[in-house]
Amino acid sequence: MFGLFRKKHSPRNISKLLQDVLEGSRGARLIVDTDEKTVYYNQKFAKVCGEKEVSLSGFCSLFDDALLVTDHLRRIAGAAKQGDTETIELSVGSGSSEIWYQITAQPITDHDDYIHFRVDDVT
């Protein structure tokens, strides 16, 4: 039988290990607290934000209707606060420059004050 098991001891530098996992992730990652303050983002998320502030509000400002996108992200963040994982797809731009993002908000087990957003380009 194969499976993943949690070891009784952790690597010496678990935070470095977790940072490497998030940086090596296929998607853009953002972790915010319940006040939407940025706690962590990976370089892929910074690249998505481009010239904008690297934050949830900076990401929302990429879209023509930033207020509507902000409402959508707050809705899925609310689901994450309740322990659920919620996903939406939104597009930015138009025509040949249109980009579709799949945005997932998920809770972080045992850390109720934080929300993990995963942003994947699904164009």
C-alpha atoms as a PDB file:
ATOM      1  CA  MET A   1       0.000   0.000   0.000  1.00  0.00           C
ATOM      2  CA  PHE A   2       1.315   3.449  -0.942  1.00  0.00           C
ATOM      3  CA  GLY A   3       0.411   6.747   0.638  1.00  0.00           C
ATOM      4  CA  LEU A   4       1.616   9.942   2.146  1.00  0.00           C
ATOM      5  CA  PHE A   5       2.337  10.004   5.828  1.00  0.00           C
ATOM      6  CA  ARG A   6       3.190  12.881   8.112  1.00  0.00           C
ATOM      7  CA  LYS A   7       6.501  12.320   9.835  1.00  0.00           C
ATOM      8  CA  LYS A   8       6.687  12.825  13.567  1.00  0.00           C
ATOM      9  CA  HIS A   9       9.538  15.273  13.055  1.00  0.00           C
ATOM     10  CA  SER A  10       9.721  18.147  10.621  1.00  0.00           C
ATOM     11  CA  PRO A  11      12.625  19.257   8.467  1.00  0.00           C
ATOM     12  CA  ARG A  12      14.760  21.847  10.236  1.00  0.00           C
ATOM     13  CA  ASN A  13      13.660  24.646   7.969  1.00  0.00           C
ATOM     14  CA  ILE A  14       9.978  23.905   7.315  1.00  0.00           C
ATOM     15  CA  SER A  15       9.241  27.511   6.298  1.00  0.00           C
ATOM     16  CA  LYS A  16      11.891  27.287   3.534  1.00  0.00           C
ATOM     17  CA  LEU A  17      10.387  24.004   2.397  1.00  0.00           C
ATOM     18  CA  LEU A  18       6.894  25.508   2.232  1.00  0.00           C
ATOM     19  CA  GLN A  19       8.170  28.599   0.414  1.00  0.00           C
ATOM     20  CA  ASP A  20       9.874  26.359  -2.157  1.00  0.00           C
ATOM     21  CA  VAL A  21       6.616  24.448  -2.639  1.00  0.00           C
ATOM     22  CA  LEU A  22       4.620  27.661  -3.183  1.00  0.00           C
ATOM     23  CA  GLU A  23       7.244  29.157  -5.509  1.00  0.00           C
ATOM     24  CA  GLY A  24       7.425  25.911  -7.480  1.00  0.00           C
ATOM     25  CA  SER A  25       3.668  25.764  -7.835  1.00  0.00           C
ATOM     26  CA  ARG A  26       2.189  25.829 -11.320  1.00  0.00           C
ATOM     27  CA  GLY A  27      -0.151  28.664 -10.361  1.00  0.00           C
ATOM     28  CA  ALA A  28       0.010  32.099  -8.856  1.00  0.00           C
ATOM     29  CA  ARG A  29      -0.470  32.003  -5.077  1.00  0.00           C
ATOM     30  CA  LEU A  30      -1.644  34.649  -2.631  1.00  0.00           C
ATOM     31  CA  ILE A  31      -2.319  34.290   1.080  1.00  0.00           C
ATOM     32  CA  VAL A  32      -4.262  37.041   2.816  1.00  0.00           C
ATOM     33  CA  ASP A  33      -5.614  37.546   6.304  1.00  0.00           C
ATOM     34  CA  THR A  34      -9.304  38.166   6.994  1.00  0.00           C
ATOM     35  CA  ASP A  35      -8.731  41.925   6.488  1.00  0.00           C
ATOM     36  CA  GLU A  36      -7.389  41.195   2.969  1.00  0.00           C
ATOM     37  CA  LYS A  37      -3.862  42.153   3.982  1.00  0.00           C
ATOM     38  CA  THR A  38      -1.210  40.302   1.994  1.00  0.00           C
ATOM     39  CA  VAL A  39       0.673  37.720   4.036  1.00  0.00           C
ATOM     40  CA  TYR A  40       2.472  35.911   1.199  1.00  0.00           C
ATOM     41  CA  TYR A  41       2.551  35.805  -2.584  1.00  0.00           C
ATOM     42  CA  ASN A  42       4.727  33.880  -4.991  1.00  0.00           C
ATOM     43  CA  GLN A  43       6.566  35.346  -7.961  1.00  0.00           C
ATOM     44  CA  LYS A  44       3.927  34.045 -10.372  1.00  0.00           C
ATOM     45  CA  PHE A  45       1.318  36.159  -8.584  1.00  0.00           C
ATOM     46  CA  ALA A  46       3.616  39.198  -8.762  1.00  0.00           C
ATOM     47  CA  LYS A  47       3.985  38.573 -12.511  1.00  0.00           C
ATOM     48  CA  VAL A  48       0.191  38.426 -12.961  1.00  0.00           C
ATOM     49  CA  CYS A  49      -0.163  41.761 -11.141  1.00  0.00           C
ATOM     50  CA  GLY A  50       2.523  43.299 -13.339  1.00  0.00           C
ATOM     51  CA  GLU A  51       2.716  47.050 -12.723  1.00  0.00           C
ATOM     52  CA  LYS A  52      -0.147  46.931 -10.203  1.00  0.00           C
ATOM     53  CA  GLU A  53       0.239  46.588  -6.452  1.00  0.00           C
ATOM     54  CA  VAL A  54       0.937  42.951  -5.551  1.00  0.00           C
ATOM     55  CA  SER A  55      -2.172  42.373  -3.457  1.00  0.00           C
ATOM     56  CA  LEU A  56      -5.753  41.223  -3.762  1.00  0.00           C
ATOM     57  CA  SER A  57      -6.887  44.759  -4.617  1.00  0.00           C
ATOM     58  CA  GLY A  58      -4.044  45.116  -7.132  1.00  0.00           C
ATOM     59  CA  PHE A  59      -5.144  41.892  -8.814  1.00  0.00           C
ATOM     60  CA  CYS A  60      -8.755  43.113  -8.931  1.00  0.00           C
ATOM     61  CA  SER A  61      -7.649  46.372 -10.554  1.00  0.00           C
ATOM     62  CA  LEU A  62      -6.486  44.401 -13.613  1.00  0.00           C
ATOM     63  CA  PHE A  63     -10.134  43.940 -14.561  1.00  0.00           C
ATOM     64  CA  ASP A  64     -12.376  46.545 -16.236  1.00  0.00           C
ATOM     65  CA  ASP A  65     -14.957  46.205 -13.473  1.00  0.00           C
ATOM     66  CA  ALA A  66     -12.658  45.965 -10.452  1.00  0.00           C
ATOM     67  CA  LEU A  67     -15.534  46.462  -7.994  1.00  0.00           C
ATOM     68  CA  LEU A  68     -17.475  43.516  -9.418  1.00  0.00           C
ATOM     69  CA  VAL A  69     -14.364  41.323  -9.344  1.00  0.00           C
ATOM     70  CA  THR A  70     -13.694  42.421  -5.764  1.00  0.00           C
ATOM     71  CA  ASP A  71     -17.250  41.371  -4.837  1.00  0.00           C
ATOM     72  CA  HIS A  72     -16.745  37.967  -6.503  1.00  0.00           C
ATOM     73  CA  LEU A  73     -13.458  37.385  -4.691  1.00  0.00           C
ATOM     74  CA  ARG A  74     -14.948  38.446  -1.359  1.00  0.00           C
ATOM     75  CA  ARG A  75     -17.808  36.000  -1.938  1.00  0.00           C
ATOM     76  CA  ILE A  76     -15.476  33.066  -2.525  1.00  0.00           C
ATOM     77  CA  ALA A  77     -13.255  34.233   0.366  1.00  0.00           C
ATOM     78  CA  GLY A  78     -16.379  34.142   2.555  1.00  0.00           C
ATOM     79  CA  ALA A  79     -16.893  30.518   1.564  1.00  0.00           C
ATOM     80  CA  ALA A  80     -13.265  29.802   2.466  1.00  0.00           C
ATOM     81  CA  LYS A  81     -13.814  31.396   5.886  1.00  0.00           C
ATOM     82  CA  GLN A  82     -16.614  28.859   6.377  1.00  0.00           C
ATOM     83  CA  GLY A  83     -14.266  25.993   5.508  1.00  0.00           C
ATOM     84  CA  ASP A  84     -15.270  25.525   1.873  1.00  0.00           C
ATOM     85  CA  THR A  85     -13.219  25.742  -1.308  1.00  0.00           C
ATOM     86  CA  GLU A  86     -14.799  27.904  -3.982  1.00  0.00           C
ATOM     87  CA  THR A  87     -13.686  28.543  -7.595  1.00  0.00           C
ATOM     88  CA  ILE A  88     -14.688  31.097 -10.231  1.00  0.00           C
ATOM     89  CA  GLU A  89     -13.447  31.955 -13.720  1.00  0.00           C
ATOM     90  CA  LEU A  90     -12.988  35.552 -14.834  1.00  0.00           C
ATOM     91  CA  SER A  91     -11.549  37.130 -17.953  1.00  0.00           C
ATOM     92  CA  VAL A  92      -9.490  40.253 -18.469  1.00  0.00           C
ATOM     93  CA  GLY A  93      -8.904  41.970 -21.810  1.00  0.00           C
ATOM     94  CA  SER A  94     -10.687  41.153 -25.043  1.00  0.00           C
ATOM     95  CA  GLY A  95     -10.141  39.575 -28.407  1.00  0.00           C
ATOM     96  CA  SER A  96      -6.715  38.050 -28.942  1.00  0.00           C
ATOM     97  CA  SER A  97      -5.435  39.610 -25.705  1.00  0.00           C
ATOM     98  CA  GLU A  98      -8.178  38.090 -23.540  1.00  0.00           C
ATOM     99  CA  ILE A  99      -6.908  36.060 -20.580  1.00  0.00           C
ATOM    100  CA  TRP A 100      -9.094  33.733 -18.519  1.00  0.00           C
ATOM    101  CA  TYR A 101      -8.197  33.106 -14.894  1.00  0.00           C
ATOM    102  CA  GLN A 102      -9.519  30.352 -12.675  1.00  0.00           C
ATOM    103  CA  ILE A 103      -9.427  31.697  -9.122  1.00  0.00           C
ATOM    104  CA  THR A 104      -9.816  29.404  -6.150  1.00  0.00           C
ATOM    105  CA  ALA A 105     -10.179  30.513  -2.541  1.00  0.00           C
ATOM    106  CA  GLN A 106      -9.577  27.856   0.057  1.00  0.00           C
ATOM    107  CA  PRO A 107      -9.227  27.722   3.803  1.00  0.00           C
ATOM    108  CA  ILE A 108      -5.934  26.906   5.448  1.00  0.00           C
ATOM    109  CA  THR A 109      -6.483  24.115   7.956  1.00  0.00           C
ATOM    110  CA  ASP A 110      -6.001  25.252  11.558  1.00  0.00           C
ATOM    111  CA  HIS A 111      -5.434  28.860  10.416  1.00  0.00           C
ATOM    112  CA  ASP A 112      -8.919  30.369  10.276  1.00  0.00           C
ATOM    113  CA  ASP A 113      -7.596  33.922   9.956  1.00  0.00           C
ATOM    114  CA  TYR A 114      -6.032  33.261   6.535  1.00  0.00           C
ATOM    115  CA  ILE A 115      -7.259  32.506   3.027  1.00  0.00           C
ATOM    116  CA  HIS A 116      -5.234  30.926   0.242  1.00  0.00           C
ATOM    117  CA  PHE A 117      -5.993  32.115  -3.297  1.00  0.00           C
ATOM    118  CA  ARG A 118      -4.776  30.122  -6.271  1.00  0.00           C
ATOM    119  CA  VAL A 119      -4.865  31.907  -9.633  1.00  0.00           C
ATOM    120  CA  ASP A 120      -4.402  29.800 -12.768  1.00  0.00           C
ATOM    121  CA  ASP A 121      -4.303  31.064 -16.345  1.00  0.00           C
ATOM    122  CA  VAL A 122      -6.793  28.809 -18.136  1.00  0.00           C
ATOM    123  CA  THR A 123      -6.793  30.681 -21.435  1.00  0.00           C
END
